[in-house]
Structures are given as structure tokens and as C-alpha cells.
Amino acid sequence: MADALADEVQQIQAMLTRERLAVDLCDGKRTAFLTHIGAPPRLVPGPWIAHRQQVLALALANLAPNQRSSLAHAVVVEWGREFGVGRMVLSAVASGLPLGGSSLSMRPRTPGGDGRPHILYTWALGLRATPVVCDWLLLQAQPEWACDRPPRPLGVRGLETLALLGGSVLVLVQNAVAARQLADSVGHSVALDAHPRFVPFLEDHDANANVMIWPHDAIGASSLERREFSTAVLIGAPELVRQEVLRWAAARPKLEVVDAACPGRMNRKALARYWESCGRPKLLLRGDSEWAAAGRVWLESLGATVAAHSEATQLGLF
């Protein structure tokens, strides 16, 4: 059983590393399928594939000329329609997240074969994600469902309370997708300002707002040093990011750091239903090692077969 599982994991590894398609990895050589805005660590110019809504959203971003050229030549796909790259049969699937967020259904195109293993690659999942019956579900560990005691999603009442208690609030998120989810959740009641990287993806922003949305990786920006905040809210921050923010906050003795979950993401109850709707597939976890370890215990308690890889081994696998 263990050998068979290892063989299947190796097959998945080959699908993701040796074929002509790369998922959320732009190397300028292989064709890159972009699941979500901000999911690829770098947007290296090259052949890109993305859902129509994501291509339209990326057109609003501050791209370099060579990136914009790649976007102009990107292959636009729709959810649920099959397409092919090399020896792979592919289909984009709605992830339930904004800005054209997609999971990717992948299976090998083998003459006379059965197209296995059929995998569904996910980056993160919203509450309305479309399930796909598959052999393997590839999950990136998220605190909303991986942690035994996840933080509460940040909502209007929480932000209003924090603003009333102390004034300006800094909300730290991973990327534009989380920024947009936060804005969709609270922006109708709370005025929001944002980092220039996020502004193109928000329907509205107020430069004088008391709530600022900021990326995790820009905590040391000089422009942030000129602002005073009473509270910093960490959304979906792994431990390395959290420690960096705590060091930054230590120089601001009146600043309180609190944790929250991103609104609109799947919790354990929703993910369990989603897994059932996908036909109870085997699961391959990646991402933050602490979240993956806790998530594996919970998923195995549901009866799932789980293979987990920590962040340290992630690059070797994907």
C-alpha cells in the first residue's frame, strides 16, 4: 500500500515537473497556467494560460512592457472546457475566489490508457468552489481549515471595533485575491485604503481611510514607516511572516498585533463537504509545515488517505 501510494505521488510529481505545463510557476520556458493573481511568486514573461476574468484583471495591474506582451498573447480559457498542453488533458475549474481564480483539473493523455491519475490542483478554495471527481486532490494548507483553533474571519464588526478603540488599522494579507475578498466582505461598510499593488483590483478605495490593506512582503516599506497604526491584523500569515511582523511591531510600543482569517475561505466543515463531492480522493498537502501537519491529522480523521510535504521539500516536489 505504501509503495503504491509513493508510486502515485511520483506520477503526480512527473506531471507537474516534467511536462510542458507548469502551474503557478513562470520560468519563461514552459507554458504557465496561472490559478490566481499573486499565486506565482514571479510573473516571468513567457507563454501564459489563465481564465478570462483573470486576464482582464491582470490588464489593470502595473505590469512591465514584457509582462504586458505576455498577457496580450496569453491563452484565455473558460471554466469547464477542456484544453490540452503536451500530453495533458486540462480543464480550469472555478475555485470560488475572485478575479478569475481557478483550480486545475489534470490527467495524462495516454493512448489506450485510462487517463489516471486524474488530479485536481488547488491553490485556495472559496465557499462556492466547483468540485471535480478525481483520484487526487492537491491542497495547499490554509489556516482556516488546517488549524485546530483557526482565527475568526475578519468582518465589519471587528474592523469597526478596532477602529473605534484606537484609530488606524493595518490589515496584512498575502496577495491581491485576499485583499479583494476583504474588500468585498467589509468595503460596503468600512472605508479602505490599500497598497498600490492592490488598488487596481479593488472596486473602490479611500486614500484617507483609517483601514489600510497591505501585503505581507512589504512590511518593511519606507512608506509604511510614515503611518501610525493602533492595530495590525495578520490574515493567513505563516509563522515566518508572523515573526517578522512581531519584530516590526516591537519598535511601535502602542501597536497591537492580532490574527484573523480571510473572509470567504473554506473552513473544516466546508472542506469536508467539498472532499466528499470530489469522490473522497487521496490528498496531497503542501505549504506551511505546521499547518500541513495539523491539517493532515484532521483529514485522516475523516478517513482520507493523505500524503503531506512540508514547505522545506516543496520545491523538490512541485
Protein backbone atom coordinates (compact mmCIF):
# COMPACT_ATOMS: atom_id res chain seq x y z
CA MET A 1 0.00 0.00 0.00
CA ALA A 2 2.76 2.43 0.93
CA ASP A 3 4.72 1.57 -2.23
CA ALA A 4 1.63 2.07 -4.41
CA LEU A 5 1.00 5.45 -2.76
CA ALA A 6 4.61 6.50 -3.32
CA ASP A 7 4.39 5.45 -6.97
CA GLU A 8 1.28 7.59 -7.47
CA VAL A 9 2.95 10.58 -5.81
CA GLN A 10 5.89 10.15 -8.19
CA GLN A 11 3.48 10.12 -11.14
CA ILE A 12 1.98 13.39 -9.90
CA GLN A 13 5.45 14.84 -9.47
CA ALA A 14 6.25 13.95 -13.08
CA MET A 15 3.02 15.57 -14.28
CA LEU A 16 3.91 18.80 -12.51
CA THR A 17 7.63 18.99 -13.19
CA ARG A 18 8.42 17.11 -16.42
CA GLU A 19 5.55 18.04 -18.69
CA ARG A 20 5.29 21.17 -20.83
CA LEU A 21 2.84 22.76 -18.38
CA ALA A 22 3.79 24.44 -15.10
CA VAL A 23 1.17 25.52 -12.58
CA ASP A 24 1.76 28.90 -10.90
CA LEU A 25 5.42 28.72 -11.87
CA CYS A 26 6.64 31.12 -14.55
CA ASP A 27 10.09 30.17 -15.80
CA GLY A 28 9.82 31.74 -19.23
CA LYS A 29 10.16 28.33 -20.90
CA ARG A 30 7.26 26.05 -20.04
CA THR A 31 3.66 27.13 -20.50
CA ALA A 32 2.42 28.53 -17.17
CA PHE A 33 -1.17 28.10 -16.00
CA LEU A 34 -1.98 30.94 -13.58
CA THR A 35 -4.53 29.84 -10.99
CA HIS A 36 -4.89 33.16 -9.12
CA ILE A 37 -3.46 36.66 -9.23
CA GLY A 38 -0.47 36.61 -6.91
CA ALA A 39 -0.16 32.82 -6.80
CA PRO A 40 3.00 32.71 -8.98
CA PRO A 41 5.92 34.07 -6.95
CA ARG A 42 7.08 35.99 -10.06
CA LEU A 43 5.36 36.83 -13.33
CA VAL A 44 8.26 35.96 -15.62
CA PRO A 45 7.36 36.72 -19.25
CA GLY A 46 6.57 33.64 -21.31
CA PRO A 47 3.61 31.58 -22.52
CA TRP A 48 0.72 32.03 -20.07
CA ILE A 49 -2.73 30.47 -19.73
CA ALA A 50 -5.42 31.92 -17.45
CA HIS A 51 -9.15 32.24 -17.07
CA ARG A 52 -10.73 35.13 -18.96
CA GLN A 53 -11.59 37.09 -15.79
CA GLN A 54 -8.03 36.82 -14.53
CA VAL A 55 -6.59 38.05 -17.81
CA LEU A 56 -8.92 41.07 -17.68
CA ALA A 57 -7.93 41.75 -14.06
CA LEU A 58 -4.22 41.46 -14.80
CA ALA A 59 -4.62 44.01 -17.57
CA LEU A 60 -5.32 46.59 -14.84
CA ALA A 61 -2.11 45.83 -12.96
CA ASN A 62 1.13 47.77 -13.21
CA LEU A 63 2.95 45.31 -15.48
CA ALA A 64 6.31 45.77 -17.18
CA PRO A 65 6.22 46.02 -21.00
CA ASN A 66 7.47 42.44 -21.47
CA GLN A 67 4.89 41.14 -18.97
CA ARG A 68 2.15 43.05 -20.78
CA SER A 69 3.27 41.48 -24.05
CA SER A 70 2.94 38.01 -22.49
CA LEU A 71 -0.51 38.94 -21.22
CA ALA A 72 -1.56 40.10 -24.70
CA HIS A 73 -0.58 36.68 -26.10
CA ALA A 74 -1.96 34.64 -23.18
CA VAL A 75 -4.31 31.76 -23.95
CA VAL A 76 -7.72 32.54 -22.46
CA VAL A 77 -9.72 29.60 -21.09
CA GLU A 78 -13.20 29.19 -19.64
CA TRP A 79 -14.25 27.10 -16.68
CA GLY A 80 -15.29 23.57 -17.53
CA ARG A 81 -13.93 23.49 -21.10
CA GLU A 82 -11.11 21.04 -21.80
CA PHE A 83 -7.87 22.09 -23.45
CA GLY A 84 -4.51 20.42 -23.92
CA VAL A 85 -0.85 21.15 -23.34
CA GLY A 86 1.62 18.44 -24.36
CA ARG A 87 0.39 15.08 -23.11
CA MET A 88 -2.05 16.59 -20.61
CA VAL A 89 -5.83 16.96 -20.78
CA LEU A 90 -6.70 20.03 -18.72
CA SER A 91 -9.71 21.97 -17.52
CA ALA A 92 -9.94 25.14 -15.46
CA VAL A 93 -12.41 24.91 -12.57
CA ALA A 94 -13.86 27.78 -10.53
CA SER A 95 -12.09 28.00 -7.15
CA GLY A 96 -14.76 30.22 -5.63
CA LEU A 97 -12.26 33.06 -5.23
CA PRO A 98 -12.45 36.43 -7.04
CA LEU A 99 -10.57 37.79 -10.06
CA GLY A 100 -10.91 34.61 -12.12
CA GLY A 101 -9.50 32.27 -9.50
CA SER A 102 -9.23 28.71 -10.79
CA SER A 103 -8.25 25.22 -9.76
CA LEU A 104 -6.85 22.96 -12.49
CA SER A 105 -8.09 19.50 -13.44
CA MET A 106 -5.18 17.48 -14.89
CA ARG A 107 -4.96 14.00 -16.38
CA PRO A 108 -2.48 12.37 -18.74
CA ARG A 109 -3.40 11.82 -22.37
CA THR A 110 -2.24 8.25 -22.90
CA PRO A 111 -3.18 6.18 -26.00
CA GLY A 112 -5.43 3.38 -24.85
CA GLY A 113 -4.96 4.42 -21.22
CA ASP A 114 -7.48 5.43 -18.58
CA GLY A 115 -6.22 8.98 -18.01
CA ARG A 116 -5.02 8.31 -14.47
CA PRO A 117 -4.07 9.69 -12.14
CA HIS A 118 -6.71 12.37 -12.51
CA ILE A 119 -5.71 15.21 -10.16
CA LEU A 120 -7.30 18.48 -9.14
CA TYR A 121 -4.68 21.11 -8.28
CA THR A 122 -5.97 23.80 -5.93
CA TRP A 123 -4.32 26.94 -4.60
CA ALA A 124 -7.05 28.05 -2.18
CA LEU A 125 -10.79 27.45 -2.09
CA GLY A 126 -13.75 29.74 -1.63
CA LEU A 127 -17.16 28.70 -0.38
CA ARG A 128 -18.53 28.25 -3.92
CA ALA A 129 -15.64 26.25 -5.35
CA THR A 130 -16.70 23.75 -8.02
CA PRO A 131 -15.94 20.12 -7.03
CA VAL A 132 -14.48 17.63 -9.52
CA VAL A 133 -14.49 13.87 -9.02
CA CYS A 134 -10.81 12.92 -9.15
CA ASP A 135 -8.19 10.45 -7.87
CA TRP A 136 -6.05 13.04 -6.06
CA LEU A 137 -6.89 16.43 -4.59
CA LEU A 138 -3.83 18.66 -4.24
CA LEU A 139 -4.31 21.12 -1.39
CA GLN A 140 -2.22 23.98 -0.10
CA ALA A 141 -2.66 24.03 3.69
CA GLN A 142 -4.71 27.04 4.78
CA PRO A 143 -5.20 28.16 8.41
CA GLU A 144 -8.98 28.38 8.02
CA TRP A 145 -9.25 24.57 7.86
CA ALA A 146 -5.81 23.21 8.77
CA CYS A 147 -5.52 24.71 12.26
CA ASP A 148 -7.32 23.08 15.17
CA ARG A 149 -8.20 26.54 16.51
CA PRO A 150 -8.30 28.82 13.49
CA PRO A 151 -8.67 32.58 13.96
CA ARG A 152 -12.05 34.08 13.21
CA PRO A 153 -12.64 35.64 9.78
CA LEU A 154 -12.25 39.40 9.83
CA GLY A 155 -15.60 41.10 9.43
CA VAL A 156 -17.24 44.52 9.52
CA ARG A 157 -17.95 44.46 13.25
CA GLY A 158 -14.39 43.51 14.12
CA LEU A 159 -12.86 46.23 11.95
CA GLU A 160 -15.26 48.87 13.24
CA THR A 161 -14.47 47.90 16.82
CA LEU A 162 -10.71 48.05 16.24
CA ALA A 163 -11.02 51.46 14.57
CA LEU A 164 -13.16 52.83 17.40
CA LEU A 165 -10.74 51.55 20.04
CA GLY A 166 -7.61 53.07 18.62
CA GLY A 167 -7.89 54.67 15.23
CA SER A 168 -5.91 53.40 12.22
CA VAL A 169 -5.80 49.68 11.46
CA LEU A 170 -3.25 47.90 9.26
CA VAL A 171 -4.52 44.69 7.67
CA LEU A 172 -1.76 42.46 6.31
CA VAL A 173 -2.72 39.97 3.58
CA GLN A 174 -0.83 37.62 1.29
CA ASN A 175 -1.91 38.90 -2.10
CA ALA A 176 -4.46 40.69 -4.25
CA VAL A 177 -7.01 37.87 -4.01
CA ALA A 178 -7.15 38.16 -0.21
CA ALA A 179 -7.26 41.96 -0.49
CA ARG A 180 -10.23 41.73 -2.85
CA GLN A 181 -12.02 39.20 -0.61
CA LEU A 182 -11.58 41.52 2.35
CA ALA A 183 -12.85 44.50 0.35
CA ASP A 184 -15.85 42.50 -0.91
CA SER A 185 -16.66 41.46 2.65
CA VAL A 186 -16.31 44.78 4.52
CA GLY A 187 -15.82 47.51 1.92
CA HIS A 188 -19.52 48.34 1.76
CA SER A 189 -19.42 49.43 5.43
CA VAL A 190 -15.79 50.36 6.15
CA ALA A 191 -13.66 52.76 4.08
CA LEU A 192 -10.46 51.10 2.89
CA ASP A 193 -7.10 52.30 1.63
CA ALA A 194 -4.60 49.88 0.08
CA HIS A 195 -1.05 49.33 -1.11
CA PRO A 196 -0.60 50.45 -4.75
CA ARG A 197 -0.17 46.79 -5.73
CA PHE A 198 -3.74 46.08 -4.60
CA VAL A 199 -5.56 49.25 -5.67
CA PRO A 200 -6.20 48.13 -9.30
CA PHE A 201 -8.07 45.06 -8.06
CA LEU A 202 -10.40 46.88 -5.65
CA GLU A 203 -13.66 48.39 -6.79
CA ASP A 204 -13.13 51.41 -4.56
CA HIS A 205 -10.59 52.82 -2.14
CA ASP A 206 -10.23 55.93 0.02
CA ALA A 207 -6.79 57.46 0.48
CA ASN A 208 -7.96 58.97 3.78
CA ALA A 209 -9.40 55.76 5.23
CA ASN A 210 -8.40 54.53 8.69
CA VAL A 211 -8.05 50.94 7.47
CA MET A 212 -5.07 50.11 5.25
CA ILE A 213 -4.68 46.79 3.35
CA TRP A 214 -1.02 45.90 2.93
CA PRO A 215 0.94 42.88 1.58
CA HIS A 216 2.86 40.57 3.93
CA ASP A 217 6.08 41.02 1.98
CA ALA A 218 6.07 44.84 2.16
CA ILE A 219 6.08 45.22 5.94
CA GLY A 220 9.47 46.95 5.78
CA ALA A 221 8.44 49.54 3.17
CA SER A 222 9.53 53.10 3.95
CA SER A 223 6.09 54.43 3.02
CA LEU A 224 4.61 52.39 5.85
CA GLU A 225 7.01 53.91 8.39
CA ARG A 226 5.36 57.30 7.95
CA ARG A 227 1.99 55.95 9.10
CA GLU A 228 0.85 55.34 12.67
CA PHE A 229 -1.39 52.39 13.48
CA SER A 230 -3.05 51.20 16.66
CA THR A 231 -3.62 47.62 15.47
CA ALA A 232 -2.04 45.31 12.90
CA VAL A 233 -4.27 42.44 11.77
CA LEU A 234 -2.48 39.41 10.31
CA ILE A 235 -4.59 37.45 7.84
CA GLY A 236 -3.42 33.98 6.79
CA ALA A 237 0.16 34.59 7.90
CA PRO A 238 2.52 31.61 8.30
CA GLU A 239 4.84 31.66 11.29
CA LEU A 240 7.82 33.17 9.45
CA VAL A 241 5.71 36.13 8.35
CA ARG A 242 4.17 36.45 11.79
CA GLN A 243 7.58 36.63 13.47
CA GLU A 244 8.74 39.30 11.02
CA VAL A 245 5.66 41.39 11.75
CA LEU A 246 6.16 41.00 15.50
CA ARG A 247 9.73 42.25 15.16
CA TRP A 248 8.49 45.22 13.16
CA ALA A 249 5.76 45.92 15.71
CA ALA A 250 8.23 45.76 18.63
CA ALA A 251 9.53 49.18 17.58
CA ARG A 252 5.99 50.52 17.92
CA PRO A 253 5.12 50.03 21.61
CA LYS A 254 1.48 51.13 21.22
CA LEU A 255 0.79 48.76 18.32
CA GLU A 256 -1.18 45.57 18.98
CA VAL A 257 -0.89 42.58 16.63
CA VAL A 258 -3.89 40.25 16.25
CA ASP A 259 -4.62 37.27 13.97
CA ALA A 260 -7.66 36.81 11.75
CA ALA A 261 -8.80 34.54 8.94
CA CYS A 262 -9.56 35.68 5.42
CA PRO A 263 -13.30 36.02 4.83
CA GLY A 264 -14.88 33.80 2.21
CA ARG A 265 -12.49 30.86 2.53
CA MET A 266 -13.45 27.26 3.29
CA ASN A 267 -13.39 26.12 6.92
CA ARG A 268 -13.23 22.48 8.01
CA LYS A 269 -16.94 21.84 7.58
CA ALA A 270 -16.96 23.27 4.05
CA LEU A 271 -13.76 21.48 3.00
CA ALA A 272 -15.09 18.14 4.28
CA ARG A 273 -18.20 18.59 2.12
CA TYR A 274 -16.04 19.56 -0.85
CA TRP A 275 -13.82 16.49 -0.44
CA GLU A 276 -16.89 14.27 -0.33
CA SER A 277 -18.23 15.92 -3.50
CA CYS A 278 -14.89 15.20 -5.23
CA GLY A 279 -15.42 11.48 -4.58
CA ARG A 280 -13.27 11.22 -1.43
CA PRO A 281 -9.95 11.36 -3.35
CA LYS A 282 -6.49 10.86 -1.89
CA LEU A 283 -4.98 14.13 -0.71
CA LEU A 284 -1.55 15.66 -1.24
CA LEU A 285 -0.77 18.58 1.08
CA ARG A 286 1.78 21.28 0.51
CA GLY A 287 2.57 24.63 2.11
CA ASP A 288 3.43 25.74 5.63
CA SER A 289 4.73 22.72 7.57
CA GLU A 290 2.80 23.45 10.80
CA TRP A 291 -0.47 23.96 9.00
CA ALA A 292 0.09 20.87 6.84
CA ALA A 293 0.86 18.71 9.88
CA ALA A 294 -2.29 19.78 11.72
CA GLY A 295 -4.38 19.54 8.56
CA ARG A 296 -3.13 16.02 7.87
CA VAL A 297 -4.26 14.77 11.29
CA TRP A 298 -7.71 16.23 10.77
CA LEU A 299 -8.08 14.94 7.20
CA GLU A 300 -7.01 11.44 8.25
CA SER A 301 -9.66 11.56 10.98
CA LEU A 302 -12.22 11.86 8.16
CA GLY A 303 -10.86 8.65 6.63
CA ALA A 304 -8.77 10.34 3.93
CA THR A 305 -5.50 8.95 2.59
CA VAL A 306 -3.03 11.82 2.92
CA ALA A 307 0.50 12.42 1.69
CA ALA A 308 1.99 15.61 3.10
CA HIS A 309 5.11 17.57 2.19
CA SER A 310 6.46 20.39 4.28
CA GLU A 311 7.46 23.78 2.87
CA ALA A 312 11.10 22.70 3.06
CA THR A 313 10.52 19.93 0.50
CA GLN A 314 8.00 21.81 -1.56
CA LEU A 315 10.35 22.99 -4.27
CA GLY A 316 11.60 19.47 -4.79
CA LEU A 317 8.06 18.20 -5.30
CA PHE A 318 6.49 20.98 -7.33
